Amino acid sequence: MTLIEQTDRTLTMAVNQFAGHSIFLDKLMYYILDTALLNGGVFLAAYCWLWFETDENGVHSQRRNVVVGQMAILGVAGIVVLLKVFLPFRHNPLNSPDLGLRLAFGVDPASLATSNSFPSGHAALFFALSVPLWRRSRWLGAASAVWIFLSICLPLLFLGDHWPSDIVAGATIGIASMLLLCRLIGATRLPDRLLRFSKTHPSAFYAMAWMLALETALRFADAEKFASGAGRLAQALLYLPPLPR
């Protein structure tokens, strides 16, 4: 057993030892993690704040930062999906019988049996979303990191959804991908064109922005289901072998 595996087991058991004792605590952890309002919704509220914030001259100076960030998060989501498909499969703690994990009330290990635990999509997406907030101010970025730890990382460990190394890897991938994509996208004229479009066609712009914001808050779950269904339909039509889950 490697040092990383030993650390994973030690930290997982340290957090999970409180599961299975109180229905209230178990349900609280589950709903904190599963409720979009408390994770994605908080970040979208912060993005809205940046969008409408003005500097001392009355200029919306953060709007380009928001546009670049929302464009980049699409790329981050795609990268995470590809990594979870093509990286070697790893069972989550819930489906590691030798670990002796305590099951929280209402948790079904079979629900994650076919899901690759590495890397954590939750950590990748939300730490990526924190990057534009860090660019706005250090205190806002630090506050977002604390919120992610409390509302995402702790519940993931408590419920046995991910190993600590999954979360660390997801956070690293999310932040690195977001920084790279923001730099590449920010160097183009596309964000400026979108900002001009928001002024000349506000109805169309805000309608599309609302749809993107909704999918971001839901961690692109609907888009992922649609893409998965479309891929399996294409396989059936073309008689291709099934994609790995």
Protein backbone atom coordinates (compact mmCIF):
# COMPACT_ATOMS: atom_id res chain seq x y z
CA MET A 1 0.00 0.00 0.00
CA THR A 2 1.42 3.38 -1.05
CA LEU A 3 1.66 6.48 1.14
CA ILE A 4 -1.13 8.13 -0.84
CA GLU A 5 -3.41 5.14 -0.29
CA GLN A 6 -2.64 5.09 3.43
CA THR A 7 -3.33 8.82 3.70
CA ASP A 8 -6.58 8.41 1.74
CA ARG A 9 -7.79 5.71 4.09
CA THR A 10 -6.78 7.57 7.24
CA LEU A 11 -8.42 10.87 6.27
CA THR A 12 -11.53 9.17 4.89
CA MET A 13 -12.10 7.19 8.06
CA ALA A 14 -11.40 10.24 10.23
CA VAL A 15 -14.23 12.19 8.56
CA ASN A 16 -16.56 9.25 7.95
CA GLN A 17 -16.51 8.08 11.59
CA PHE A 18 -19.33 10.54 12.32
CA ALA A 19 -21.65 9.03 9.66
CA GLY A 20 -24.42 6.59 10.50
CA HIS A 21 -25.06 7.94 14.00
CA SER A 22 -27.53 10.74 13.35
CA ILE A 23 -30.15 10.87 10.62
CA PHE A 24 -30.15 14.67 10.92
CA LEU A 25 -26.39 14.96 10.36
CA ASP A 26 -26.40 12.43 7.50
CA LYS A 27 -29.29 14.16 5.72
CA LEU A 28 -27.73 17.56 6.33
CA MET A 29 -24.49 16.51 4.65
CA TYR A 30 -26.39 14.95 1.75
CA TYR A 31 -28.58 17.98 1.12
CA ILE A 32 -25.70 20.44 1.43
CA LEU A 33 -23.89 18.53 -1.31
CA ASP A 34 -26.94 17.85 -3.46
CA THR A 35 -28.65 21.24 -3.29
CA ALA A 36 -27.61 23.48 -6.18
CA LEU A 37 -28.53 26.61 -4.24
CA LEU A 38 -25.85 25.96 -1.62
CA ASN A 39 -22.97 25.24 -4.02
CA GLY A 40 -23.44 26.30 -7.63
CA GLY A 41 -26.04 28.89 -6.67
CA VAL A 42 -23.64 30.66 -4.32
CA PHE A 43 -21.03 30.98 -7.05
CA LEU A 44 -23.53 32.27 -9.58
CA ALA A 45 -24.65 34.87 -7.05
CA ALA A 46 -21.01 35.96 -6.73
CA TYR A 47 -20.70 36.11 -10.53
CA CYS A 48 -23.83 38.27 -10.72
CA TRP A 49 -22.29 40.58 -8.14
CA LEU A 50 -19.15 40.92 -10.27
CA TRP A 51 -21.23 41.47 -13.41
CA PHE A 52 -23.16 44.43 -12.00
CA GLU A 53 -20.32 45.83 -9.87
CA THR A 54 -18.96 49.22 -10.95
CA ASP A 55 -15.68 50.93 -10.12
CA GLU A 56 -15.25 54.53 -8.96
CA ASN A 57 -15.81 55.71 -12.54
CA GLY A 58 -19.07 53.81 -12.93
CA VAL A 59 -17.51 51.26 -15.28
CA HIS A 60 -18.42 47.56 -15.16
CA SER A 61 -14.77 46.52 -14.99
CA GLN A 62 -15.37 42.87 -14.05
CA ARG A 63 -17.67 41.92 -16.91
CA ARG A 64 -14.87 40.69 -19.15
CA ASN A 65 -13.55 38.59 -16.27
CA VAL A 66 -17.00 36.99 -15.86
CA VAL A 67 -17.40 36.31 -19.60
CA VAL A 68 -13.96 34.72 -19.86
CA GLY A 69 -14.62 32.61 -16.76
CA GLN A 70 -17.97 31.33 -17.99
CA MET A 71 -16.50 30.43 -21.37
CA ALA A 72 -13.55 28.67 -19.73
CA ILE A 73 -15.74 26.63 -17.37
CA LEU A 74 -17.26 24.89 -20.40
CA GLY A 75 -13.79 23.67 -21.33
CA VAL A 76 -13.05 22.57 -17.77
CA ALA A 77 -16.26 20.53 -17.65
CA GLY A 78 -15.33 18.83 -20.92
CA ILE A 79 -11.81 18.04 -19.71
CA VAL A 80 -13.12 16.46 -16.50
CA VAL A 81 -15.60 14.27 -18.41
CA LEU A 82 -12.86 13.04 -20.74
CA LEU A 83 -10.50 12.30 -17.84
CA LYS A 84 -13.15 10.31 -15.96
CA VAL A 85 -13.82 8.28 -19.10
CA PHE A 86 -10.26 7.54 -20.19
CA LEU A 87 -8.32 7.39 -16.91
CA PRO A 88 -8.08 4.00 -15.16
CA PHE A 89 -11.22 3.20 -13.20
CA ARG A 90 -11.08 3.73 -9.44
CA HIS A 91 -13.75 2.68 -6.97
CA ASN A 92 -14.93 5.26 -4.48
CA PRO A 93 -14.75 4.57 -0.71
CA LEU A 94 -18.41 3.49 -0.68
CA ASN A 95 -17.54 0.58 -2.95
CA SER A 96 -14.35 -0.49 -1.15
CA PRO A 97 -15.60 -3.26 1.18
CA ASP A 98 -12.23 -3.78 2.88
CA LEU A 99 -12.29 -0.19 4.14
CA GLY A 100 -15.07 -0.72 6.69
CA LEU A 101 -16.75 2.57 5.84
CA ARG A 102 -19.78 3.67 7.86
CA LEU A 103 -22.83 4.18 5.66
CA ALA A 104 -24.81 7.37 6.15
CA PHE A 105 -28.56 6.86 6.43
CA GLY A 106 -30.21 6.64 3.02
CA VAL A 107 -26.96 6.25 1.05
CA ASP A 108 -26.90 3.47 -1.55
CA PRO A 109 -23.36 2.36 -2.52
CA ALA A 110 -24.71 0.94 -5.80
CA SER A 111 -25.54 4.47 -6.97
CA LEU A 112 -21.83 5.16 -7.52
CA ALA A 113 -20.67 1.66 -8.42
CA THR A 114 -20.11 2.50 -12.11
CA SER A 115 -18.75 6.02 -11.56
CA ASN A 116 -15.00 6.61 -11.77
CA SER A 117 -13.92 8.21 -8.50
CA PHE A 118 -10.80 9.86 -9.97
CA PRO A 119 -10.72 12.81 -10.30
CA SER A 120 -13.50 14.50 -8.36
CA GLY A 121 -15.73 16.41 -10.76
CA HIS A 122 -17.21 18.41 -7.88
CA ALA A 123 -13.79 19.67 -6.78
CA ALA A 124 -12.62 20.37 -10.32
CA LEU A 125 -15.67 22.42 -11.26
CA PHE A 126 -16.05 24.47 -8.10
CA PHE A 127 -12.37 25.24 -7.60
CA ALA A 128 -12.29 26.29 -11.25
CA LEU A 129 -15.25 28.60 -10.61
CA SER A 130 -13.29 30.22 -7.78
CA VAL A 131 -10.51 31.42 -10.12
CA PRO A 132 -12.38 34.53 -11.41
CA LEU A 133 -13.21 35.38 -7.80
CA TRP A 134 -9.52 35.22 -6.87
CA ARG A 135 -8.84 37.59 -9.76
CA ARG A 136 -11.35 40.05 -8.33
CA SER A 137 -9.85 40.01 -4.83
CA ARG A 138 -7.92 37.72 -2.54
CA TRP A 139 -10.51 37.83 0.21
CA LEU A 140 -13.29 36.83 -2.18
CA GLY A 141 -11.18 33.97 -3.51
CA ALA A 142 -10.28 32.85 0.01
CA ALA A 143 -13.93 32.96 1.04
CA SER A 144 -14.88 30.82 -1.95
CA ALA A 145 -12.17 28.28 -1.09
CA VAL A 146 -13.47 28.00 2.49
CA TRP A 147 -17.02 27.58 1.19
CA ILE A 148 -15.92 24.81 -1.20
CA PHE A 149 -14.16 23.01 1.62
CA LEU A 150 -17.19 23.16 3.91
CA SER A 151 -20.00 22.56 1.40
CA ILE A 152 -18.26 20.27 -1.11
CA CYS A 153 -15.12 18.58 0.19
CA LEU A 154 -16.29 17.65 3.69
CA PRO A 155 -19.63 16.16 2.53
CA LEU A 156 -17.84 14.18 -0.20
CA LEU A 157 -15.54 12.62 2.41
CA PHE A 158 -18.30 12.20 4.99
CA LEU A 159 -20.58 10.33 2.58
CA GLY A 160 -17.74 8.28 1.04
CA ASP A 161 -18.21 9.63 -2.48
CA HIS A 162 -14.51 10.39 -3.03
CA TRP A 163 -11.06 9.78 -1.64
CA PRO A 164 -9.05 12.82 -0.48
CA SER A 165 -6.61 12.34 -3.38
CA ASP A 166 -9.57 12.48 -5.80
CA ILE A 167 -10.50 15.87 -4.38
CA VAL A 168 -6.93 17.20 -4.44
CA ALA A 169 -6.46 16.00 -8.02
CA GLY A 170 -9.81 17.45 -9.07
CA ALA A 171 -9.00 20.81 -7.50
CA THR A 172 -5.57 20.88 -9.16
CA ILE A 173 -6.97 19.94 -12.56
CA GLY A 174 -9.81 22.44 -12.26
CA ILE A 175 -7.61 25.37 -11.24
CA ALA A 176 -4.85 24.59 -13.76
CA SER A 177 -7.31 24.10 -16.62
CA MET A 178 -9.22 27.25 -15.70
CA LEU A 179 -6.07 29.38 -15.55
CA LEU A 180 -4.88 28.06 -18.91
CA LEU A 181 -8.24 28.43 -20.64
CA CYS A 182 -8.82 31.90 -19.18
CA ARG A 183 -5.44 33.01 -20.49
CA LEU A 184 -6.08 31.55 -23.96
CA ILE A 185 -9.64 32.88 -24.21
CA GLY A 186 -8.70 36.22 -22.70
CA ALA A 187 -6.07 36.73 -25.40
CA THR A 188 -8.74 36.59 -28.12
CA ARG A 189 -11.37 39.13 -29.16
CA LEU A 190 -14.26 36.78 -28.47
CA PRO A 191 -14.99 38.08 -24.93
CA ASP A 192 -15.13 41.64 -26.26
CA ARG A 193 -17.51 40.58 -29.02
CA LEU A 194 -19.77 38.94 -26.47
CA LEU A 195 -19.73 42.08 -24.33
CA ARG A 196 -20.75 44.15 -27.35
CA PHE A 197 -23.46 41.59 -28.09
CA SER A 198 -24.75 41.96 -24.52
CA LYS A 199 -25.25 45.68 -25.17
CA THR A 200 -26.73 45.45 -28.67
CA HIS A 201 -28.88 42.33 -28.07
CA PRO A 202 -29.49 42.18 -24.30
CA SER A 203 -32.60 39.98 -24.56
CA ALA A 204 -30.81 37.22 -26.49
CA PHE A 205 -27.61 37.55 -24.45
CA TYR A 206 -29.26 37.26 -21.03
CA ALA A 207 -31.47 34.39 -22.19
CA MET A 208 -28.40 32.39 -23.23
CA ALA A 209 -26.50 33.50 -20.13
CA TRP A 210 -29.34 32.26 -17.92
CA MET A 211 -29.25 28.82 -19.57
CA LEU A 212 -25.47 28.59 -19.10
CA ALA A 213 -25.80 29.75 -15.49
CA LEU A 214 -28.43 27.09 -14.82
CA GLU A 215 -26.27 24.30 -16.21
CA THR A 216 -23.26 25.58 -14.28
CA ALA A 217 -25.24 25.52 -11.02
CA LEU A 218 -26.31 21.94 -11.81
CA ARG A 219 -22.70 20.96 -12.67
CA PHE A 220 -23.74 20.39 -16.31
CA ALA A 221 -25.66 17.29 -15.22
CA ASP A 222 -28.40 17.77 -17.83
CA ALA A 223 -25.89 18.46 -20.59
CA GLU A 224 -23.90 15.37 -19.59
CA LYS A 225 -27.04 13.20 -19.68
CA PHE A 226 -27.97 14.60 -23.09
CA ALA A 227 -24.47 14.00 -24.47
CA SER A 228 -24.40 10.49 -23.04
CA GLY A 229 -27.79 9.67 -24.55
CA ALA A 230 -26.81 11.15 -27.90
CA GLY A 231 -23.59 9.14 -27.88
CA ARG A 232 -25.39 5.89 -27.17
CA LEU A 233 -27.95 6.66 -29.88
CA ALA A 234 -25.13 7.25 -32.36
CA GLN A 235 -23.52 3.96 -31.30
CA ALA A 236 -26.78 2.12 -31.85
CA LEU A 237 -27.20 3.66 -35.30
CA LEU A 238 -23.61 2.99 -36.33
CA TYR A 239 -23.30 -0.40 -34.56
CA LEU A 240 -20.27 0.80 -32.59
CA PRO A 241 -19.03 -0.89 -29.39
CA PRO A 242 -20.34 0.84 -26.21
CA LEU A 243 -18.34 3.64 -24.63
CA PRO A 244 -16.73 2.88 -21.26
CA ARG A 245 -18.70 4.32 -18.35
